[in-house]
Amino acid sequence: MPGRHGVNRWELRTCARRGHVTYAPDDETLAHRLSGLTGLGEVWRCLRCGEFTLGAPHGRGPADDAPMVLRGKALRQAIIVRALAVERWLRAVLIGLAAWAVWKFRGAQGSIQAALDRDLPPVRASGFKVDQMTAVQELEKALATKPSTLTLLVVILSAYAVLELVEGIGLWLLKRWGEYFAVVATAIFLPLEIHDLIKGVTLTRTVTFAINVAAVVYLLVSKRLFGLRGGRKAYDAEWRGEQLLDIERAATTT
């Protein structure tokens, strides 16, 4: 449930983890709305959660120079995007292990998944089936028929893992380029995943496809990529409109 000033638990939890963010604008009217005096000293409202916190402000200056903080919708989006980044990193680890398995077990019989299950119990415990990914299946076929291409296969799998790693980094840092990179890189592989599902529906394939489609749609719509819903200009305006200083400044003019 939202608390005072319309904040919710995410702002409060973030402030509990990272600390409050306070700022004293030069505008006296605006500064008055954000501050107060108690028996213990001055208090200032946090720009993120809106709660009053004891002590001098962390910064001073023009209102337009106040730090932009994640709050409201932007904060909730950041939590979802970073969860997606973690998923990309986990996938990068699994694909990297697949590359290692191709190299180590190139002369052994059986699949990459069997090699991973045999020698890496954590992979088996995760329930994620690497061998049900289209790219890995095709590589296994090539490995069985063309041993001379082993180095190339390892490079391809390693590059795939790096791709997922870069996606995760860009998303975790909440960078615009990371969101574009994730959408393009993920969309490129969707036709392969659809082909995979046509050949046979499995839990791993279905979950992977669902996550990727949801990620592409979510990033396109919520981040207004490629000009959707007004593009970057509209996204920045929405983010700015949620800033506490802008809300209070608007209130002083009404």
Protein backbone atom coordinates (compact mmCIF):
# COMPACT_ATOMS: atom_id res chain seq x y z
CA MET A 1 0.00 0.00 0.00
CA PRO A 2 1.27 3.49 -0.77
CA GLY A 3 2.47 5.49 2.19
CA ARG A 4 2.71 9.20 2.76
CA HIS A 5 3.36 11.43 -0.24
CA GLY A 6 2.22 8.59 -2.52
CA VAL A 7 5.39 6.53 -2.14
CA ASN A 8 5.30 2.76 -1.95
CA ARG A 9 7.42 0.07 -0.44
CA TRP A 10 9.96 0.06 -3.28
CA GLU A 11 11.09 3.63 -2.61
CA LEU A 12 11.26 2.95 1.12
CA ARG A 13 13.22 -0.27 0.64
CA THR A 14 15.62 1.41 -1.76
CA CYS A 15 16.24 4.25 0.71
CA ALA A 16 16.73 1.71 3.51
CA ARG A 17 19.45 0.08 1.39
CA ARG A 18 21.12 3.10 -0.19
CA GLY A 19 20.19 5.94 2.12
CA HIS A 20 18.06 9.01 1.54
CA VAL A 21 18.78 11.67 -1.09
CA THR A 22 18.21 15.28 -0.01
CA TYR A 23 18.74 18.56 -1.83
CA ALA A 24 18.21 22.24 -0.97
CA PRO A 25 17.05 24.26 -4.00
CA ASP A 26 17.88 27.96 -4.26
CA ASP A 27 14.19 28.77 -4.67
CA GLU A 28 13.13 29.75 -1.13
CA THR A 29 9.48 28.81 -1.61
CA LEU A 30 10.41 25.39 -2.92
CA ALA A 31 13.04 24.91 -0.21
CA HIS A 32 10.45 25.72 2.44
CA ARG A 33 8.15 22.98 1.13
CA LEU A 34 10.98 20.46 1.35
CA SER A 35 12.39 21.34 4.78
CA GLY A 36 11.54 21.98 8.40
CA LEU A 37 12.99 22.50 11.86
CA THR A 38 12.72 20.17 14.85
CA GLY A 39 14.19 20.12 18.31
CA LEU A 40 17.02 18.00 16.91
CA GLY A 41 17.78 20.30 14.00
CA GLU A 42 16.80 20.78 10.37
CA VAL A 43 15.03 18.09 8.36
CA TRP A 44 14.74 17.66 4.59
CA ARG A 45 12.46 15.51 2.49
CA CYS A 46 14.11 12.69 0.60
CA LEU A 47 13.87 13.13 -3.17
CA ARG A 48 13.18 9.42 -3.55
CA CYS A 49 10.71 8.42 -0.84
CA GLY A 50 9.50 11.86 0.21
CA GLU A 51 10.03 11.23 3.93
CA PHE A 52 11.70 13.82 6.16
CA THR A 53 15.23 12.94 7.25
CA LEU A 54 17.28 14.65 9.92
CA GLY A 55 20.41 16.54 8.95
CA ALA A 56 21.74 19.03 6.42
CA PRO A 57 20.90 18.44 2.74
CA HIS A 58 23.34 16.43 0.65
CA GLY A 59 23.46 19.17 -1.96
CA ARG A 60 22.43 22.73 -2.71
CA GLY A 61 21.87 24.75 -5.85
CA PRO A 62 19.36 25.47 -8.61
CA ALA A 63 16.34 23.16 -8.68
CA ASP A 64 17.19 22.10 -12.23
CA ASP A 65 20.55 20.80 -11.00
CA ALA A 66 19.03 18.49 -8.39
CA PRO A 67 19.98 14.83 -8.81
CA MET A 68 17.54 12.68 -10.79
CA VAL A 69 16.49 9.69 -8.71
CA LEU A 70 14.60 6.55 -9.56
CA ARG A 71 11.15 6.67 -8.01
CA GLY A 72 7.61 5.69 -8.87
CA LYS A 73 7.21 3.95 -12.22
CA ALA A 74 10.88 4.44 -13.14
CA LEU A 75 11.99 2.60 -9.99
CA ARG A 76 9.62 -0.30 -10.61
CA GLN A 77 10.86 -0.54 -14.19
CA ALA A 78 14.46 -0.57 -12.98
CA ILE A 79 13.72 -3.52 -10.68
CA ILE A 80 12.19 -5.51 -13.55
CA VAL A 81 15.00 -4.64 -15.96
CA ARG A 82 17.67 -5.66 -13.45
CA ALA A 83 15.87 -8.94 -12.81
CA LEU A 84 16.07 -9.52 -16.56
CA ALA A 85 19.79 -8.68 -16.42
CA VAL A 86 20.33 -11.40 -13.81
CA GLU A 87 18.48 -13.89 -16.03
CA ARG A 88 20.79 -12.97 -18.93
CA TRP A 89 23.85 -13.52 -16.75
CA LEU A 90 22.62 -16.94 -15.65
CA ARG A 91 22.04 -17.85 -19.26
CA ALA A 92 25.53 -16.61 -20.16
CA VAL A 93 27.00 -18.92 -17.52
CA LEU A 94 25.09 -21.93 -18.85
CA ILE A 95 26.07 -21.23 -22.45
CA GLY A 96 29.67 -20.68 -21.37
CA LEU A 97 29.60 -24.07 -19.65
CA ALA A 98 28.26 -25.55 -22.88
CA ALA A 99 31.26 -24.12 -24.74
CA TRP A 100 33.55 -25.60 -22.12
CA ALA A 101 31.80 -28.97 -22.47
CA VAL A 102 32.22 -28.97 -26.25
CA TRP A 103 35.93 -28.40 -25.82
CA LYS A 104 36.56 -30.81 -22.98
CA PHE A 105 34.35 -33.64 -24.19
CA ARG A 106 34.96 -33.29 -27.92
CA GLY A 107 36.14 -36.88 -28.16
CA ALA A 108 33.49 -38.38 -25.90
CA GLN A 109 30.20 -39.93 -26.89
CA GLY A 110 26.92 -38.33 -25.87
CA SER A 111 25.44 -34.88 -25.79
CA ILE A 112 26.70 -31.63 -24.33
CA GLN A 113 23.89 -31.77 -21.77
CA ALA A 114 24.97 -35.28 -20.67
CA ALA A 115 28.51 -34.05 -20.19
CA LEU A 116 27.34 -31.10 -18.13
CA ASP A 117 25.00 -33.23 -16.04
CA ARG A 118 27.75 -35.74 -15.36
CA ASP A 119 30.48 -33.33 -14.33
CA LEU A 120 28.61 -30.26 -13.11
CA PRO A 121 25.85 -31.12 -10.60
CA PRO A 122 24.71 -27.46 -10.27
CA VAL A 123 23.69 -27.50 -13.93
CA ARG A 124 21.68 -30.66 -13.40
CA ALA A 125 20.05 -29.20 -10.29
CA SER A 126 19.02 -26.03 -12.13
CA GLY A 127 16.68 -27.99 -14.37
CA PHE A 128 17.70 -25.88 -17.38
CA LYS A 129 18.31 -28.08 -20.42
CA VAL A 130 21.08 -26.58 -22.51
CA ASP A 131 20.64 -29.24 -25.18
CA GLN A 132 17.08 -28.06 -25.86
CA MET A 133 18.34 -24.75 -27.19
CA THR A 134 18.30 -24.65 -30.99
CA ALA A 135 21.81 -23.25 -31.28
CA VAL A 136 23.27 -25.99 -29.08
CA GLN A 137 21.40 -28.74 -30.94
CA GLU A 138 22.77 -27.56 -34.26
CA LEU A 139 26.26 -27.35 -32.81
CA GLU A 140 26.03 -30.89 -31.48
CA LYS A 141 25.09 -32.14 -34.94
CA ALA A 142 28.00 -30.28 -36.49
CA LEU A 143 30.33 -31.55 -33.80
CA ALA A 144 29.32 -35.12 -34.53
CA THR A 145 29.78 -34.79 -38.29
CA LYS A 146 32.65 -32.31 -38.57
CA PRO A 147 35.20 -32.69 -35.78
CA SER A 148 37.53 -30.30 -37.58
CA THR A 149 35.15 -27.42 -36.81
CA LEU A 150 35.54 -27.84 -33.04
CA THR A 151 37.42 -24.59 -32.48
CA LEU A 152 34.86 -22.64 -34.48
CA LEU A 153 32.00 -24.16 -32.50
CA VAL A 154 33.62 -23.24 -29.21
CA VAL A 155 34.14 -19.68 -30.48
CA ILE A 156 30.48 -19.43 -31.55
CA LEU A 157 29.21 -20.65 -28.20
CA SER A 158 31.61 -18.38 -26.36
CA ALA A 159 30.48 -15.41 -28.46
CA TYR A 160 26.87 -16.27 -27.63
CA ALA A 161 27.73 -16.29 -23.93
CA VAL A 162 29.49 -12.92 -24.25
CA LEU A 163 26.43 -11.55 -26.04
CA GLU A 164 24.24 -12.53 -23.10
CA LEU A 165 26.81 -11.11 -20.69
CA VAL A 166 26.85 -7.73 -22.46
CA GLU A 167 23.05 -7.69 -22.50
CA GLY A 168 23.04 -8.22 -18.76
CA ILE A 169 25.59 -5.47 -18.14
CA GLY A 170 23.69 -2.93 -20.24
CA LEU A 171 20.40 -3.79 -18.57
CA TRP A 172 21.82 -3.78 -15.03
CA LEU A 173 23.37 -0.34 -15.58
CA LEU A 174 19.99 0.88 -16.91
CA LYS A 175 21.68 2.28 -20.00
CA ARG A 176 19.66 3.24 -23.06
CA TRP A 177 22.13 1.44 -25.31
CA GLY A 178 21.73 -1.67 -23.18
CA GLU A 179 17.96 -1.66 -23.69
CA TYR A 180 18.36 -1.30 -27.46
CA PHE A 181 21.06 -3.96 -27.51
CA ALA A 182 18.90 -6.39 -25.52
CA VAL A 183 15.87 -5.88 -27.78
CA VAL A 184 17.82 -6.36 -31.02
CA ALA A 185 19.94 -9.27 -29.78
CA THR A 186 16.92 -11.06 -28.30
CA ALA A 187 14.69 -10.47 -31.33
CA ILE A 188 17.30 -11.92 -33.69
CA PHE A 189 17.01 -15.32 -32.00
CA LEU A 190 13.20 -15.42 -31.79
CA PRO A 191 12.78 -17.07 -35.24
CA LEU A 192 15.15 -19.87 -34.14
CA GLU A 193 13.15 -20.35 -30.96
CA ILE A 194 9.89 -20.47 -32.91
CA HIS A 195 11.42 -23.11 -35.17
CA ASP A 196 12.52 -24.96 -32.06
CA LEU A 197 8.96 -24.97 -30.66
CA ILE A 198 7.54 -26.18 -33.96
CA LYS A 199 9.86 -29.20 -33.80
CA GLY A 200 8.70 -30.01 -30.29
CA VAL A 201 7.30 -28.17 -27.29
CA THR A 202 9.26 -28.58 -24.05
CA LEU A 203 9.24 -26.69 -20.77
CA THR A 204 12.69 -25.19 -21.34
CA ARG A 205 11.85 -24.03 -24.85
CA THR A 206 8.50 -22.61 -23.82
CA VAL A 207 9.86 -20.73 -20.80
CA THR A 208 12.83 -19.36 -22.76
CA PHE A 209 10.61 -18.18 -25.60
CA ALA A 210 8.07 -16.62 -23.23
CA ILE A 211 10.78 -14.75 -21.31
CA ASN A 212 12.37 -13.42 -24.48
CA VAL A 213 9.09 -12.28 -26.05
CA ALA A 214 8.01 -10.64 -22.79
CA ALA A 215 11.40 -8.93 -22.47
CA VAL A 216 11.26 -7.51 -26.00
CA VAL A 217 7.69 -6.26 -25.65
CA TYR A 218 8.28 -4.84 -22.18
CA LEU A 219 11.43 -2.95 -23.14
CA LEU A 220 9.90 -1.59 -26.35
CA VAL A 221 6.77 -0.32 -24.64
CA SER A 222 8.01 0.77 -21.20
CA LYS A 223 11.24 2.37 -22.43
CA ARG A 224 9.60 3.81 -25.57
CA LEU A 225 12.34 2.45 -27.83
CA PHE A 226 12.53 3.10 -31.57
CA GLY A 227 10.22 6.08 -31.24
CA LEU A 228 7.33 4.15 -29.71
CA ARG A 229 4.92 6.19 -27.56
CA GLY A 230 6.81 9.40 -28.19
CA GLY A 231 10.30 7.93 -27.99
CA ARG A 232 13.15 9.18 -25.81
CA LYS A 233 11.70 12.67 -25.43
CA ALA A 234 8.45 11.35 -23.96
CA TYR A 235 10.32 8.89 -21.74
CA ASP A 236 12.54 11.65 -20.30
CA ALA A 237 9.52 13.89 -19.75
CA GLU A 238 7.74 11.08 -17.88
CA TRP A 239 10.79 10.45 -15.70
CA ARG A 240 11.22 14.15 -15.00
CA GLY A 241 7.54 14.45 -14.13
CA GLU A 242 7.95 11.94 -11.30
CA GLN A 243 10.77 13.87 -9.61
CA LEU A 244 9.74 15.23 -6.21
CA LEU A 245 11.17 18.69 -6.89
CA ASP A 246 9.14 19.00 -10.07
CA ILE A 247 6.00 17.84 -8.30
CA GLU A 248 6.48 20.36 -5.50
CA ARG A 249 7.38 23.11 -7.96
CA ALA A 250 4.18 22.44 -9.87
CA ALA A 251 2.24 22.58 -6.61
CA THR A 252 3.56 26.06 -5.84
CA THR A 253 2.19 27.41 -9.12
CA THR A 254 -1.36 26.08 -8.66
